[in-house]
Amino acid sequence: MFLEPLHDASAVASAPGKLILFGEHACVYGHTAVAAAISDLRIIVQASLHYDSPTLYAVLHDLPSATGSGDPVAARVHFHALAAALSTCEAISPLMEPAPPTVAQIECLSSLLPGMPEVDRSALLPLLFLCAALLPQLVTSGATFGVHVHVRSADLPL
């Protein structure tokens, strides 16, 4: 059972942009790399609850969609669809036991974004995975509200 949220609940988080020497994949695969914060350039994420429908609505404002429309990368995924897709693959590790996504989990999450250009899908998959890992109650409880997530780079070159 999931408690109904407080009205107008929202949160904003900010983190410094990072420069990773020797490539981001060096960190992922365990090779030596140097990461440094880049002055005042930041990534800002705003999340808020909405009562229009039980969906995750994500907008990456500073990443133009590969569709050529001029719109930012964005997606709306219903929590019921997310739960159904994840039920066909292994469970995502809970917050207290973090683990990277498996290939099967990535494929399950990718199925929620049909017809989307691969570049757009690749940008949104981490957000879908984090939502399922950090907010599993929203995905599985039959929540009657949704979450809107807006990501901005605050002048960080992408």
N, C-alpha and C. Protein backbone atom coordinates (compact mmCIF):
# COMPACT_ATOMS: atom_id res chain seq x y z
N MET A 1 0.84 -1.17 0.00
CA MET A 1 0.00 0.00 0.00
C MET A 1 0.88 1.23 0.00
N PHE A 2 0.52 2.20 -0.79
CA PHE A 2 1.31 3.42 -0.92
C PHE A 2 0.48 4.60 -0.44
N LEU A 3 1.03 5.40 0.44
CA LEU A 3 0.32 6.57 0.94
C LEU A 3 0.20 7.61 -0.15
N GLU A 4 -0.89 8.33 -0.16
CA GLU A 4 -1.05 9.42 -1.11
C GLU A 4 -0.08 10.54 -0.75
N PRO A 5 0.50 11.19 -1.74
CA PRO A 5 1.51 12.22 -1.49
C PRO A 5 0.89 13.54 -1.05
N LEU A 6 1.73 14.37 -0.50
CA LEU A 6 1.33 15.74 -0.19
C LEU A 6 1.16 16.49 -1.50
N HIS A 7 0.21 17.40 -1.54
CA HIS A 7 0.02 18.20 -2.75
C HIS A 7 1.19 19.15 -2.93
N ASP A 8 1.50 19.45 -4.17
CA ASP A 8 2.56 20.39 -4.53
C ASP A 8 3.93 19.96 -4.04
N ALA A 9 4.17 18.67 -3.88
CA ALA A 9 5.48 18.19 -3.47
C ALA A 9 6.44 18.26 -4.65
N SER A 10 7.60 18.85 -4.43
CA SER A 10 8.62 18.90 -5.48
C SER A 10 9.99 19.00 -4.83
N ALA A 11 11.00 18.70 -5.62
CA ALA A 11 12.38 18.77 -5.15
C ALA A 11 13.26 19.20 -6.30
N VAL A 12 14.32 19.93 -5.96
CA VAL A 12 15.30 20.36 -6.95
C VAL A 12 16.67 19.93 -6.45
N ALA A 13 17.46 19.36 -7.35
CA ALA A 13 18.83 18.96 -7.01
C ALA A 13 19.76 19.52 -8.08
N SER A 14 20.97 19.81 -7.66
CA SER A 14 21.96 20.38 -8.57
C SER A 14 23.30 19.70 -8.31
N ALA A 15 24.04 19.44 -9.36
CA ALA A 15 25.36 18.83 -9.23
C ALA A 15 26.29 19.49 -10.23
N PRO A 16 27.57 19.60 -9.87
CA PRO A 16 28.50 20.21 -10.81
C PRO A 16 28.70 19.32 -12.03
N GLY A 17 28.88 19.97 -13.17
CA GLY A 17 29.25 19.23 -14.37
C GLY A 17 30.64 18.66 -14.16
N LYS A 18 30.93 17.57 -14.84
CA LYS A 18 32.23 16.93 -14.65
C LYS A 18 32.93 16.72 -15.98
N LEU A 19 34.21 16.83 -15.93
CA LEU A 19 35.06 16.50 -17.06
C LEU A 19 35.79 15.23 -16.67
N ILE A 20 35.67 14.19 -17.47
CA ILE A 20 36.34 12.93 -17.16
C ILE A 20 37.41 12.70 -18.20
N LEU A 21 38.65 12.76 -17.76
CA LEU A 21 39.78 12.54 -18.66
C LEU A 21 39.94 11.04 -18.90
N PHE A 22 40.23 10.67 -20.11
CA PHE A 22 40.39 9.30 -20.56
C PHE A 22 39.04 8.63 -20.79
N GLY A 23 37.99 9.38 -20.85
CA GLY A 23 36.68 8.85 -21.24
C GLY A 23 35.84 8.36 -20.09
N GLU A 24 34.55 8.57 -20.22
CA GLU A 24 33.61 8.13 -19.19
C GLU A 24 33.63 6.62 -19.04
N HIS A 25 33.85 5.90 -20.12
CA HIS A 25 33.85 4.45 -20.05
C HIS A 25 35.00 3.92 -19.21
N ALA A 26 36.04 4.73 -19.02
CA ALA A 26 37.14 4.30 -18.17
C ALA A 26 36.64 4.05 -16.75
N CYS A 27 35.74 4.90 -16.28
CA CYS A 27 35.17 4.72 -14.93
C CYS A 27 34.28 3.49 -14.88
N VAL A 28 33.50 3.30 -15.91
CA VAL A 28 32.55 2.20 -15.93
C VAL A 28 33.27 0.86 -15.94
N TYR A 29 34.37 0.78 -16.68
CA TYR A 29 35.06 -0.50 -16.83
C TYR A 29 36.24 -0.68 -15.89
N GLY A 30 36.40 0.22 -14.92
CA GLY A 30 37.41 0.03 -13.89
C GLY A 30 38.81 0.45 -14.27
N HIS A 31 38.97 1.25 -15.31
CA HIS A 31 40.29 1.75 -15.68
C HIS A 31 40.52 3.10 -15.02
N THR A 32 41.77 3.46 -14.88
CA THR A 32 42.11 4.73 -14.26
C THR A 32 41.57 5.89 -15.08
N ALA A 33 40.95 6.84 -14.37
CA ALA A 33 40.44 8.05 -15.00
C ALA A 33 40.48 9.16 -13.97
N VAL A 34 40.48 10.38 -14.43
CA VAL A 34 40.48 11.54 -13.55
C VAL A 34 39.21 12.34 -13.83
N ALA A 35 38.43 12.61 -12.78
CA ALA A 35 37.21 13.40 -12.93
C ALA A 35 37.40 14.71 -12.17
N ALA A 36 36.93 15.80 -12.77
CA ALA A 36 37.04 17.11 -12.12
C ALA A 36 35.76 17.89 -12.36
N ALA A 37 35.33 18.63 -11.34
CA ALA A 37 34.16 19.50 -11.48
C ALA A 37 34.53 20.68 -12.35
N ILE A 38 33.57 21.17 -13.12
CA ILE A 38 33.81 22.28 -14.03
C ILE A 38 33.13 23.53 -13.46
N SER A 39 33.85 24.34 -12.76
CA SER A 39 33.45 25.63 -12.20
C SER A 39 31.97 25.71 -11.83
N ASP A 40 31.25 26.69 -12.36
CA ASP A 40 29.86 26.91 -11.99
C ASP A 40 28.87 26.24 -12.93
N LEU A 41 29.35 25.45 -13.86
CA LEU A 41 28.46 24.77 -14.79
C LEU A 41 27.82 23.59 -14.07
N ARG A 42 26.50 23.51 -14.08
CA ARG A 42 25.81 22.53 -13.26
C ARG A 42 24.71 21.82 -14.05
N ILE A 43 24.34 20.65 -13.56
CA ILE A 43 23.17 19.93 -14.01
C ILE A 43 22.10 20.14 -12.94
N ILE A 44 20.90 20.50 -13.35
CA ILE A 44 19.81 20.75 -12.40
C ILE A 44 18.65 19.83 -12.75
N VAL A 45 18.15 19.14 -11.74
CA VAL A 45 17.02 18.23 -11.91
C VAL A 45 15.89 18.69 -11.00
N GLN A 46 14.72 18.85 -11.58
CA GLN A 46 13.54 19.20 -10.80
C GLN A 46 12.52 18.08 -10.95
N ALA A 47 12.08 17.55 -9.83
CA ALA A 47 11.07 16.49 -9.83
C ALA A 47 9.86 16.98 -9.04
N SER A 48 8.68 16.74 -9.58
CA SER A 48 7.47 17.15 -8.88
C SER A 48 6.37 16.12 -9.10
N LEU A 49 5.48 16.03 -8.13
CA LEU A 49 4.35 15.13 -8.23
C LEU A 49 3.23 15.82 -8.99
N HIS A 50 2.54 15.04 -9.82
CA HIS A 50 1.41 15.56 -10.58
C HIS A 50 0.27 14.57 -10.49
N TYR A 51 -0.92 15.09 -10.58
CA TYR A 51 -2.10 14.27 -10.34
C TYR A 51 -2.89 14.02 -11.61
N ASP A 52 -2.26 14.26 -12.79
CA ASP A 52 -2.95 14.03 -14.05
C ASP A 52 -3.07 12.54 -14.37
N SER A 53 -2.03 11.76 -14.13
CA SER A 53 -2.06 10.32 -14.36
C SER A 53 -0.83 9.69 -13.72
N PRO A 54 -0.87 8.38 -13.46
CA PRO A 54 0.27 7.71 -12.84
C PRO A 54 1.37 7.42 -13.87
N THR A 55 2.08 8.47 -14.25
CA THR A 55 3.12 8.34 -15.26
C THR A 55 4.40 9.02 -14.80
N LEU A 56 5.49 8.58 -15.42
CA LEU A 56 6.75 9.29 -15.32
C LEU A 56 6.86 10.11 -16.60
N TYR A 57 6.93 11.42 -16.46
CA TYR A 57 7.11 12.31 -17.60
C TYR A 57 8.48 12.93 -17.45
N ALA A 58 9.36 12.69 -18.41
CA ALA A 58 10.74 13.17 -18.33
C ALA A 58 11.05 14.05 -19.53
N VAL A 59 11.70 15.18 -19.27
CA VAL A 59 12.12 16.10 -20.33
C VAL A 59 13.58 16.45 -20.08
N LEU A 60 14.41 16.22 -21.09
CA LEU A 60 15.83 16.59 -21.05
C LEU A 60 15.95 17.86 -21.89
N HIS A 61 15.71 19.00 -21.27
CA HIS A 61 15.52 20.27 -21.97
C HIS A 61 16.66 20.68 -22.90
N ASP A 62 17.88 20.33 -22.59
CA ASP A 62 19.01 20.80 -23.38
C ASP A 62 19.52 19.77 -24.39
N LEU A 63 18.80 18.67 -24.54
CA LEU A 63 19.15 17.68 -25.56
C LEU A 63 18.08 17.68 -26.64
N PRO A 64 18.40 18.19 -27.82
CA PRO A 64 17.40 18.18 -28.89
C PRO A 64 17.14 16.75 -29.37
N SER A 65 15.89 16.46 -29.62
CA SER A 65 15.51 15.13 -30.08
C SER A 65 16.10 14.86 -31.46
N ALA A 66 16.46 13.62 -31.70
CA ALA A 66 16.99 13.21 -33.01
C ALA A 66 15.88 13.14 -34.05
N THR A 67 14.64 13.41 -33.68
CA THR A 67 13.54 13.40 -34.64
C THR A 67 13.62 14.59 -35.59
N GLY A 68 14.41 15.60 -35.22
CA GLY A 68 14.53 16.79 -36.05
C GLY A 68 13.42 17.79 -35.85
N SER A 69 12.58 17.58 -34.86
CA SER A 69 11.44 18.47 -34.61
C SER A 69 11.83 19.76 -33.91
N GLY A 70 13.03 19.79 -33.34
CA GLY A 70 13.45 20.95 -32.56
C GLY A 70 13.02 20.85 -31.10
N ASP A 71 12.22 19.84 -30.77
CA ASP A 71 11.79 19.63 -29.39
C ASP A 71 12.89 18.91 -28.60
N PRO A 72 12.88 19.05 -27.28
CA PRO A 72 13.86 18.32 -26.47
C PRO A 72 13.49 16.84 -26.39
N VAL A 73 14.46 16.03 -25.98
CA VAL A 73 14.20 14.62 -25.72
C VAL A 73 13.20 14.54 -24.57
N ALA A 74 12.13 13.79 -24.77
CA ALA A 74 11.09 13.67 -23.75
C ALA A 74 10.35 12.36 -23.92
N ALA A 75 9.79 11.88 -22.82
CA ALA A 75 8.98 10.66 -22.87
C ALA A 75 7.99 10.67 -21.72
N ARG A 76 6.89 9.97 -21.94
CA ARG A 76 5.89 9.76 -20.89
C ARG A 76 5.67 8.25 -20.82
N VAL A 77 5.93 7.68 -19.64
CA VAL A 77 5.79 6.23 -19.45
C VAL A 77 4.84 5.99 -18.29
N HIS A 78 3.78 5.26 -18.55
CA HIS A 78 2.79 4.94 -17.52
C HIS A 78 3.41 3.95 -16.53
N PHE A 79 3.18 4.14 -15.24
CA PHE A 79 3.74 3.25 -14.23
C PHE A 79 3.29 1.80 -14.41
N HIS A 80 2.04 1.60 -14.87
CA HIS A 80 1.56 0.23 -15.10
C HIS A 80 2.36 -0.43 -16.21
N ALA A 81 2.69 0.32 -17.27
CA ALA A 81 3.50 -0.22 -18.36
C ALA A 81 4.91 -0.53 -17.88
N LEU A 82 5.45 0.34 -17.04
CA LEU A 82 6.79 0.12 -16.49
C LEU A 82 6.80 -1.14 -15.63
N ALA A 83 5.80 -1.31 -14.78
CA ALA A 83 5.71 -2.51 -13.94
C ALA A 83 5.56 -3.77 -14.80
N ALA A 84 4.74 -3.70 -15.84
CA ALA A 84 4.53 -4.86 -16.72
C ALA A 84 5.81 -5.23 -17.45
N ALA A 85 6.53 -4.23 -17.96
CA ALA A 85 7.79 -4.50 -18.66
C ALA A 85 8.81 -5.12 -17.73
N LEU A 86 8.91 -4.58 -16.53
CA LEU A 86 9.91 -5.09 -15.58
C LEU A 86 9.53 -6.47 -15.05
N SER A 87 8.26 -6.82 -15.09
CA SER A 87 7.85 -8.14 -14.60
C SER A 87 8.34 -9.26 -15.51
N THR A 88 8.74 -8.91 -16.73
CA THR A 88 9.21 -9.92 -17.68
C THR A 88 10.71 -10.17 -17.58
N CYS A 89 11.41 -9.41 -16.74
CA CYS A 89 12.85 -9.62 -16.58
C CYS A 89 13.18 -9.63 -15.09
N GLU A 90 14.44 -9.86 -14.78
CA GLU A 90 14.84 -9.94 -13.37
C GLU A 90 14.59 -8.61 -12.67
N ALA A 91 14.36 -8.69 -11.38
CA ALA A 91 14.05 -7.50 -10.59
C ALA A 91 15.24 -6.56 -10.52
N ILE A 92 14.94 -5.27 -10.48
CA ILE A 92 15.98 -4.26 -10.29
C ILE A 92 16.35 -4.25 -8.82
N SER A 93 17.64 -4.20 -8.53
CA SER A 93 18.11 -4.22 -7.15
C SER A 93 17.54 -3.05 -6.37
N PRO A 94 17.16 -3.30 -5.11
CA PRO A 94 16.66 -2.19 -4.29
C PRO A 94 17.76 -1.20 -3.97
N LEU A 95 17.33 -0.03 -3.50
CA LEU A 95 18.25 1.06 -3.21
C LEU A 95 19.39 0.65 -2.29
N MET A 96 19.12 -0.20 -1.32
CA MET A 96 20.15 -0.57 -0.34
C MET A 96 21.18 -1.53 -0.92
N GLU A 97 20.91 -2.11 -2.08
CA GLU A 97 21.84 -3.03 -2.73
C GLU A 97 22.01 -2.61 -4.18
N PRO A 98 22.61 -1.44 -4.42
CA PRO A 98 22.68 -0.93 -5.80
C PRO A 98 23.49 -1.83 -6.72
N ALA A 99 23.05 -1.88 -7.95
CA ALA A 99 23.73 -2.65 -8.98
C ALA A 99 23.42 -2.01 -10.33
N PRO A 100 24.34 -2.08 -11.27
CA PRO A 100 24.06 -1.52 -12.60
C PRO A 100 22.98 -2.35 -13.29
N PRO A 101 22.33 -1.77 -14.29
CA PRO A 101 21.29 -2.52 -15.00
C PRO A 101 21.90 -3.66 -15.80
N THR A 102 21.15 -4.74 -15.90
CA THR A 102 21.58 -5.86 -16.72
C THR A 102 21.12 -5.62 -18.16
N VAL A 103 21.64 -6.40 -19.06
CA VAL A 103 21.22 -6.29 -20.47
C VAL A 103 19.72 -6.56 -20.58
N ALA A 104 19.22 -7.55 -19.84
CA ALA A 104 17.79 -7.87 -19.88
C ALA A 104 16.95 -6.70 -19.38
N GLN A 105 17.39 -6.04 -18.32
CA GLN A 105 16.65 -4.89 -17.80
C GLN A 105 16.65 -3.74 -18.79
N ILE A 106 17.78 -3.51 -19.44
CA ILE A 106 17.86 -2.44 -20.45
C ILE A 106 16.91 -2.74 -21.60
N GLU A 107 16.85 -3.99 -22.02
CA GLU A 107 15.93 -4.37 -23.10
C GLU A 107 14.48 -4.19 -22.67
N CYS A 108 14.15 -4.55 -21.42
CA CYS A 108 12.78 -4.36 -20.92
C CYS A 108 12.41 -2.88 -20.91
N LEU A 109 13.32 -2.04 -20.43
CA LEU A 109 13.05 -0.61 -20.38
C LEU A 109 12.98 -0.01 -21.78
N SER A 110 13.83 -0.49 -22.69
CA SER A 110 13.81 0.01 -24.07
C SER A 110 12.47 -0.25 -24.75
N SER A 111 11.83 -1.36 -24.37
CA SER A 111 10.54 -1.70 -24.99
C SER A 111 9.45 -0.67 -24.66
N LEU A 112 9.69 0.16 -23.65
CA LEU A 112 8.71 1.18 -23.26
C LEU A 112 8.80 2.43 -24.12
N LEU A 113 9.82 2.50 -24.97
CA LEU A 113 10.04 3.69 -25.80
C LEU A 113 10.06 3.31 -27.28
N PRO A 114 8.99 2.68 -27.77
CA PRO A 114 8.98 2.23 -29.17
C PRO A 114 8.92 3.41 -30.14
N GLY A 115 9.56 3.24 -31.27
CA GLY A 115 9.52 4.26 -32.31
C GLY A 115 10.37 5.48 -32.03
N MET A 116 11.05 5.49 -30.92
CA MET A 116 11.90 6.63 -30.55
C MET A 116 13.29 6.42 -31.16
N PRO A 117 13.92 7.48 -31.66
CA PRO A 117 15.28 7.32 -32.17
C PRO A 117 16.21 6.74 -31.09
N GLU A 118 17.14 5.92 -31.50
CA GLU A 118 18.05 5.25 -30.57
C GLU A 118 18.78 6.25 -29.67
N VAL A 119 19.19 7.38 -30.21
CA VAL A 119 19.90 8.39 -29.42
C VAL A 119 19.01 8.92 -28.31
N ASP A 120 17.75 9.19 -28.61
CA ASP A 120 16.80 9.67 -27.60
C ASP A 120 16.57 8.60 -26.54
N ARG A 121 16.37 7.37 -27.00
CA ARG A 121 16.14 6.26 -26.07
C ARG A 121 17.32 6.08 -25.13
N SER A 122 18.53 6.17 -25.66
CA SER A 122 19.74 6.02 -24.83
C SER A 122 19.84 7.11 -23.77
N ALA A 123 19.35 8.30 -24.09
CA ALA A 123 19.39 9.41 -23.12
C ALA A 123 18.37 9.20 -22.01
N LEU A 124 17.25 8.56 -22.30
CA LEU A 124 16.17 8.40 -21.32
C LEU A 124 16.27 7.12 -20.49
N LEU A 125 16.97 6.11 -20.98
CA LEU A 125 17.04 4.84 -20.25
C LEU A 125 17.60 4.97 -18.84
N PRO A 126 18.67 5.75 -18.62
CA PRO A 126 19.16 5.88 -17.23
C PRO A 126 18.10 6.46 -16.30
N LEU A 127 17.31 7.40 -16.78
CA LEU A 127 16.27 7.99 -15.95
C LEU A 127 15.17 6.97 -15.62
N LEU A 128 14.78 6.16 -16.60
CA LEU A 128 13.79 5.11 -16.34
C LEU A 128 14.32 4.10 -15.32
N PHE A 129 15.58 3.71 -15.49
CA PHE A 129 16.19 2.75 -14.57
C PHE A 129 16.24 3.31 -13.15
N LEU A 130 16.67 4.57 -13.02
CA LEU A 130 16.75 5.18 -11.69
C LEU A 130 15.38 5.31 -11.05
N CYS A 131 14.37 5.65 -11.82
CA CYS A 131 13.02 5.73 -11.28
C CYS A 131 12.58 4.38 -10.73
N ALA A 132 12.80 3.33 -11.49
CA ALA A 132 12.40 1.99 -11.05
C ALA A 132 13.21 1.54 -9.83
N ALA A 133 14.49 1.92 -9.77
CA ALA A 133 15.34 1.50 -8.65
C ALA A 133 15.10 2.33 -7.39
N LEU A 134 14.90 3.63 -7.55
CA LEU A 134 14.78 4.52 -6.39
C LEU A 134 13.34 4.69 -5.91
N LEU A 135 12.38 4.49 -6.78
CA LEU A 135 10.97 4.70 -6.43
C LEU A 135 10.13 3.47 -6.77
N PRO A 136 10.53 2.30 -6.30
CA PRO A 136 9.79 1.09 -6.70
C PRO A 136 8.33 1.10 -6.27
N GLN A 137 8.01 1.80 -5.18
CA GLN A 137 6.62 1.85 -4.72
C GLN A 137 5.72 2.53 -5.74
N LEU A 138 6.24 3.54 -6.44
CA LEU A 138 5.43 4.21 -7.45
C LEU A 138 5.10 3.28 -8.60
N VAL A 139 6.06 2.45 -8.95
CA VAL A 139 5.90 1.57 -10.10
C VAL A 139 4.94 0.42 -9.79
N THR A 140 5.00 -0.11 -8.57
CA THR A 140 4.27 -1.34 -8.26
C THR A 140 3.03 -1.17 -7.40
N SER A 141 2.78 0.01 -6.86
CA SER A 141 1.72 0.16 -5.86
C SER A 141 0.36 0.55 -6.43
N GLY A 142 0.30 0.86 -7.69
CA GLY A 142 -0.96 1.37 -8.23
C GLY A 142 -1.19 2.82 -7.85
N ALA A 143 -0.13 3.59 -7.79
CA ALA A 143 -0.22 5.01 -7.44
C ALA A 143 -1.18 5.72 -8.38
N THR A 144 -1.85 6.73 -7.87
CA THR A 144 -2.80 7.49 -8.67
C THR A 144 -2.24 8.83 -9.11
N PHE A 145 -0.98 9.03 -8.89
CA PHE A 145 -0.32 10.29 -9.25
C PHE A 145 0.94 9.96 -10.03
N GLY A 146 1.52 10.98 -10.65
CA GLY A 146 2.71 10.78 -11.45
C GLY A 146 3.84 11.69 -11.02
N VAL A 147 4.97 11.50 -11.68
CA VAL A 147 6.16 12.30 -11.39
C VAL A 147 6.62 12.95 -12.69
N HIS A 148 6.86 14.24 -12.64
CA HIS A 148 7.44 14.96 -13.77
C HIS A 148 8.88 15.28 -13.40
N VAL A 149 9.80 14.96 -14.30
CA VAL A 149 11.23 15.20 -14.08
C VAL A 149 11.74 16.08 -15.22
N HIS A 150 12.31 17.21 -14.85
CA HIS A 150 12.88 18.14 -15.83
C HIS A 150 14.38 18.26 -15.55
N VAL A 151 15.19 18.02 -16.59
CA VAL A 151 16.64 18.08 -16.46
C VAL A 151 17.17 19.20 -17.34
N ARG A 152 17.97 20.07 -16.75
CA ARG A 152 18.59 21.18 -17.48
C ARG A 152 20.09 21.17 -17.22
N SER A 153 20.85 21.59 -18.23
CA SER A 153 22.30 21.55 -18.08
C SER A 153 22.88 22.85 -17.55
N ALA A 154 22.11 23.91 -17.44
CA ALA A 154 22.59 25.20 -16.92
C ALA A 154 23.90 25.61 -17.58
N ASP A 155 23.89 25.68 -18.90
CA ASP A 155 25.02 26.13 -19.72
C ASP A 155 26.17 25.14 -19.81
N LEU A 156 26.00 23.94 -19.31
CA LEU A 156 27.03 22.92 -19.44
C LEU A 156 27.01 22.43 -20.89
N PRO A 157 28.13 22.51 -21.60
CA PRO A 157 28.12 22.05 -23.00
C PRO A 157 27.90 20.54 -23.05
N LEU A 158 26.97 20.12 -23.90
CA LEU A 158 26.64 18.70 -24.00
C LEU A 158 27.18 18.11 -25.26
